[in-house]
Amino acid sequence: MERKIPPKPVRPQQLSDEVAERFISGAPDQKPTAPPAPAPAAQPEPAVPRTLRKRKEPVTMTLDPAILAEFDELAAGMGLSRAAATGMAMRRMIDEEKAKRR
């Protein structure tokens, strides 16, 4: 069997500066030449400083495959990732146990 080598791409002819500038200025990431009008004065929420953000802890677990499959199906049906659903389930369990002890 003979392997076919694709032809080399044809280089476009040299573009004039005007054509190149029109092409670049029409690009979606091109910055506007005039500054945009100021947005209405809305008070943005202050950003949480990095030092106050809670860093999530990575966890490795081994689980029964049938339970995991059922859990993943339930989480997907709720529109949640496995991690989000696991965190939600943990929070519910903690809250329920705390309520029992009161």
Protein backbone atom coordinates (compact mmCIF):
# COMPACT_ATOMS: atom_id res chain seq x y z
CA MET A 1 0.00 0.00 0.00
CA GLU A 2 1.42 3.35 -1.01
CA ARG A 3 1.19 6.21 1.47
CA LYS A 4 0.02 9.51 0.01
CA ILE A 5 1.73 12.66 1.18
CA PRO A 6 -0.55 15.70 1.32
CA PRO A 7 0.53 18.66 -0.80
CA LYS A 8 2.20 21.60 0.91
CA PRO A 9 -0.19 24.44 1.75
CA VAL A 10 -0.12 27.36 -0.64
CA ARG A 11 1.09 30.56 0.96
CA PRO A 12 -1.10 33.59 0.42
CA GLN A 13 0.35 36.47 -1.52
CA GLN A 14 1.81 39.30 0.49
CA LEU A 15 -1.01 41.46 1.87
CA SER A 16 -0.90 45.21 1.64
CA ASP A 17 -0.68 47.10 4.93
CA GLU A 18 -4.23 48.38 4.45
CA VAL A 19 -5.68 44.90 3.91
CA ALA A 20 -3.70 43.53 6.86
CA GLU A 21 -4.91 46.36 9.14
CA ARG A 22 -8.56 45.78 8.14
CA PHE A 23 -8.15 42.07 8.88
CA ILE A 24 -6.55 42.69 12.27
CA SER A 25 -9.04 45.37 13.32
CA GLY A 26 -11.91 43.02 12.48
CA ALA A 27 -10.59 40.29 14.79
CA PRO A 28 -12.82 39.53 17.79
CA ASP A 29 -9.99 40.10 20.26
CA GLN A 30 -9.03 43.45 18.77
CA LYS A 31 -9.10 46.17 21.42
CA PRO A 32 -11.38 49.10 20.58
CA THR A 33 -9.63 52.34 19.67
CA ALA A 34 -12.03 54.48 21.70
CA PRO A 35 -12.62 53.70 25.37
CA PRO A 36 -16.04 52.18 26.05
CA ALA A 37 -18.69 54.26 27.76
CA PRO A 38 -18.55 53.92 31.54
CA ALA A 39 -20.94 51.40 33.01
CA PRO A 40 -23.70 52.57 35.33
CA ALA A 41 -22.42 53.15 38.85
CA ALA A 42 -23.03 49.78 40.45
CA GLN A 43 -21.19 48.88 43.60
CA PRO A 44 -19.35 45.63 42.95
CA GLU A 45 -19.02 43.21 45.83
CA PRO A 46 -15.60 43.41 47.41
CA ALA A 47 -13.35 40.55 46.40
CA VAL A 48 -12.51 38.02 49.07
CA PRO A 49 -8.79 38.26 49.82
CA ARG A 50 -6.82 35.17 48.87
CA THR A 51 -5.80 34.64 52.46
CA LEU A 52 -9.44 34.26 53.52
CA ARG A 53 -10.48 31.87 50.75
CA LYS A 54 -10.82 28.30 51.85
CA ARG A 55 -8.56 25.93 50.00
CA LYS A 56 -10.20 22.63 49.13
CA GLU A 57 -8.54 19.43 50.25
CA PRO A 58 -8.02 16.64 47.68
CA VAL A 59 -9.44 13.30 48.84
CA THR A 60 -8.87 9.78 47.54
CA MET A 61 -11.45 7.09 48.31
CA THR A 62 -12.27 3.55 47.31
CA LEU A 63 -15.96 2.87 46.88
CA ASP A 64 -18.18 0.02 45.79
CA PRO A 65 -18.62 0.42 42.00
CA ALA A 66 -22.39 -0.13 42.18
CA ILE A 67 -22.83 2.56 44.83
CA LEU A 68 -20.58 4.94 42.88
CA ALA A 69 -22.51 4.36 39.64
CA GLU A 70 -25.81 5.01 41.41
CA PHE A 71 -24.38 8.11 43.11
CA ASP A 72 -23.00 9.47 39.82
CA GLU A 73 -26.37 8.93 38.13
CA LEU A 74 -28.16 10.76 40.92
CA ALA A 75 -25.63 13.62 40.87
CA ALA A 76 -25.90 13.97 37.09
CA GLY A 77 -29.70 14.04 37.36
CA MET A 78 -29.35 16.93 39.80
CA GLY A 79 -26.92 18.71 37.49
CA LEU A 80 -24.03 18.29 39.94
CA SER A 81 -20.52 17.01 39.58
CA ARG A 82 -19.41 14.07 41.69
CA ALA A 83 -17.32 16.40 43.85
CA ALA A 84 -20.21 18.84 44.41
CA ALA A 85 -22.65 16.04 45.23
CA THR A 86 -20.16 14.43 47.62
CA GLY A 87 -19.62 17.72 49.43
CA MET A 88 -23.38 18.24 49.63
CA ALA A 89 -23.91 14.73 51.04
CA MET A 90 -21.16 15.26 53.61
CA ARG A 91 -22.67 18.59 54.68
CA ARG A 92 -26.12 16.98 55.10
CA MET A 93 -24.68 14.13 57.19
CA ILE A 94 -22.78 16.57 59.43
CA ASP A 95 -25.85 18.78 59.90
CA GLU A 96 -28.08 15.78 60.68
CA GLU A 97 -25.63 14.40 63.26
CA LYS A 98 -25.25 17.79 64.91
CA ALA A 99 -29.05 18.15 65.09
CA LYS A 100 -29.36 14.72 66.76
CA ARG A 101 -26.90 15.71 69.49
CA ARG A 102 -28.82 18.82 70.50
